[in-house]
Protein backbone atom coordinates (compact mmCIF):
# COMPACT_ATOMS: atom_id res chain seq x y z
CA MET A 1 150.49 134.86 -80.79
CA LEU A 2 147.74 132.79 -79.27
CA ILE A 3 144.13 133.95 -79.71
CA LEU A 4 142.04 132.95 -76.72
CA ASN A 5 138.30 132.43 -76.41
CA LYS A 6 135.87 130.59 -74.14
CA GLU A 7 136.70 127.27 -75.85
CA ASN A 8 140.46 127.36 -75.22
CA PHE A 9 141.05 129.83 -72.37
CA ASP A 10 141.06 127.47 -69.38
CA GLU A 11 143.14 124.87 -71.20
CA ALA A 12 145.72 127.48 -72.19
CA LEU A 13 145.81 128.88 -68.67
CA ASN A 14 146.55 125.50 -67.13
CA GLY A 15 149.90 125.14 -68.88
CA ASN A 16 153.06 125.11 -66.80
CA PHE A 17 154.49 128.36 -68.19
CA LEU A 18 154.42 132.14 -68.04
CA MET A 19 151.64 133.67 -70.14
CA LEU A 20 150.77 137.31 -70.81
CA VAL A 21 147.14 137.83 -71.82
CA ASP A 22 146.12 141.06 -73.53
CA PHE A 23 142.45 141.77 -72.76
CA TYR A 24 141.36 144.12 -75.56
CA ALA A 25 138.53 145.23 -77.87
CA ASP A 26 138.72 146.07 -81.58
CA TRP A 27 137.13 149.51 -81.06
CA CYS A 28 139.58 150.53 -78.30
CA GLY A 29 142.15 153.12 -79.45
CA PRO A 30 144.69 152.44 -76.67
CA CYS A 31 144.32 148.69 -77.38
CA ARG A 32 145.15 149.27 -81.05
CA MET A 33 148.12 151.41 -80.00
CA MET A 34 149.44 148.59 -77.77
CA ALA A 35 148.87 145.80 -80.35
CA PRO A 36 152.21 146.18 -82.21
CA ILE A 37 154.03 146.50 -78.87
CA VAL A 38 152.47 143.26 -77.63
CA GLU A 39 153.37 141.54 -80.92
CA GLY A 40 156.95 142.77 -80.57
CA ILE A 41 157.18 141.43 -77.02
CA ALA A 42 155.82 138.08 -78.23
CA LYS A 43 158.65 137.89 -80.79
CA ASP A 44 161.36 139.23 -78.46
CA LEU A 45 160.49 136.84 -75.63
CA GLU A 46 159.58 133.80 -77.75
CA GLY A 47 160.45 130.63 -75.87
CA LYS A 48 160.41 132.44 -72.52
CA ILE A 49 156.78 133.54 -72.35
CA VAL A 50 153.52 132.78 -74.16
CA VAL A 51 151.67 135.88 -75.34
CA ALA A 52 147.94 135.70 -75.98
CA LYS A 53 145.02 138.01 -76.77
CA LEU A 54 141.41 137.84 -75.63
CA ASN A 55 138.68 140.03 -77.11
CA VAL A 56 136.51 141.17 -74.17
CA ASP A 57 133.51 141.90 -76.40
CA ASP A 58 133.49 138.32 -77.69
CA ASN A 59 134.24 136.81 -74.25
CA PRO A 60 132.43 138.90 -71.62
CA ASP A 61 132.24 136.02 -69.11
CA ILE A 62 136.03 135.65 -69.02
CA ALA A 63 136.47 139.43 -68.76
CA ALA A 64 134.05 139.50 -65.81
CA ARG A 65 135.80 136.54 -64.17
CA PHE A 66 139.06 138.49 -64.06
CA GLN A 67 137.37 141.82 -63.22
CA ILE A 68 138.42 143.57 -66.42
CA PHE A 69 136.79 146.99 -66.05
CA SER A 70 139.21 148.95 -68.20
CA ILE A 71 141.03 148.03 -71.41
CA PRO A 72 143.63 147.34 -72.35
CA THR A 73 144.39 145.19 -69.33
CA PHE A 74 147.29 142.76 -69.35
CA ILE A 75 147.43 139.86 -66.93
CA LEU A 76 150.59 137.84 -66.43
CA PHE A 77 149.77 134.28 -65.41
CA LYS A 78 152.27 131.76 -64.10
CA ASN A 79 151.11 128.17 -63.82
CA GLY A 80 147.52 129.42 -64.12
CA LYS A 81 147.76 131.96 -61.29
CA ILE A 82 147.81 135.75 -61.60
CA GLU A 83 151.27 137.21 -61.03
CA GLU A 84 150.72 140.77 -62.32
CA LYS A 85 147.80 142.87 -63.57
CA ILE A 86 148.72 145.86 -65.72
CA ILE A 87 145.99 148.32 -66.65
CA GLY A 88 146.21 150.80 -69.50
CA ALA A 89 148.43 151.60 -72.45
CA VAL A 90 151.70 151.50 -70.51
CA GLY A 91 154.05 151.15 -73.50
CA LYS A 92 156.75 148.58 -74.09
CA GLU A 93 158.88 149.62 -71.13
CA GLY A 94 155.88 149.50 -68.80
CA LEU A 95 155.03 145.95 -69.83
CA LEU A 96 158.61 144.71 -69.75
CA GLU A 97 159.14 146.23 -66.29
CA LYS A 98 156.37 143.98 -64.94
CA ILE A 99 157.14 140.88 -67.04
CA THR A 100 160.94 140.66 -66.84
CA PRO A 101 161.24 139.82 -63.10
CA HIS A 102 159.08 136.72 -63.68
CA ILE A 103 161.19 135.31 -66.53
CA LYS A 104 163.65 132.61 -65.56
CA ASP A 105 166.70 132.38 -67.86
């Protein structure tokens, strides 16, 4: 899983691929609940999607840029553009429901 910060965020976003970014904070209970789910999705969809995490406390400018007002928030980027924004601890099925239609086999 890719860990994003202000140094590598824009470069990572500019890749020609599908990327799910988990906007989280260490103190956030729902974020901690979703962490193993996100890791599982990263393993299950390896080679089809890039999964990354961004700590909003450490990167407030990026969080503000994408209007992250509630965490966890998951944004699915394709070729650097937002495809889906998922807010809250939606569980594995909730994430996969939004991600799967964007994956090309």
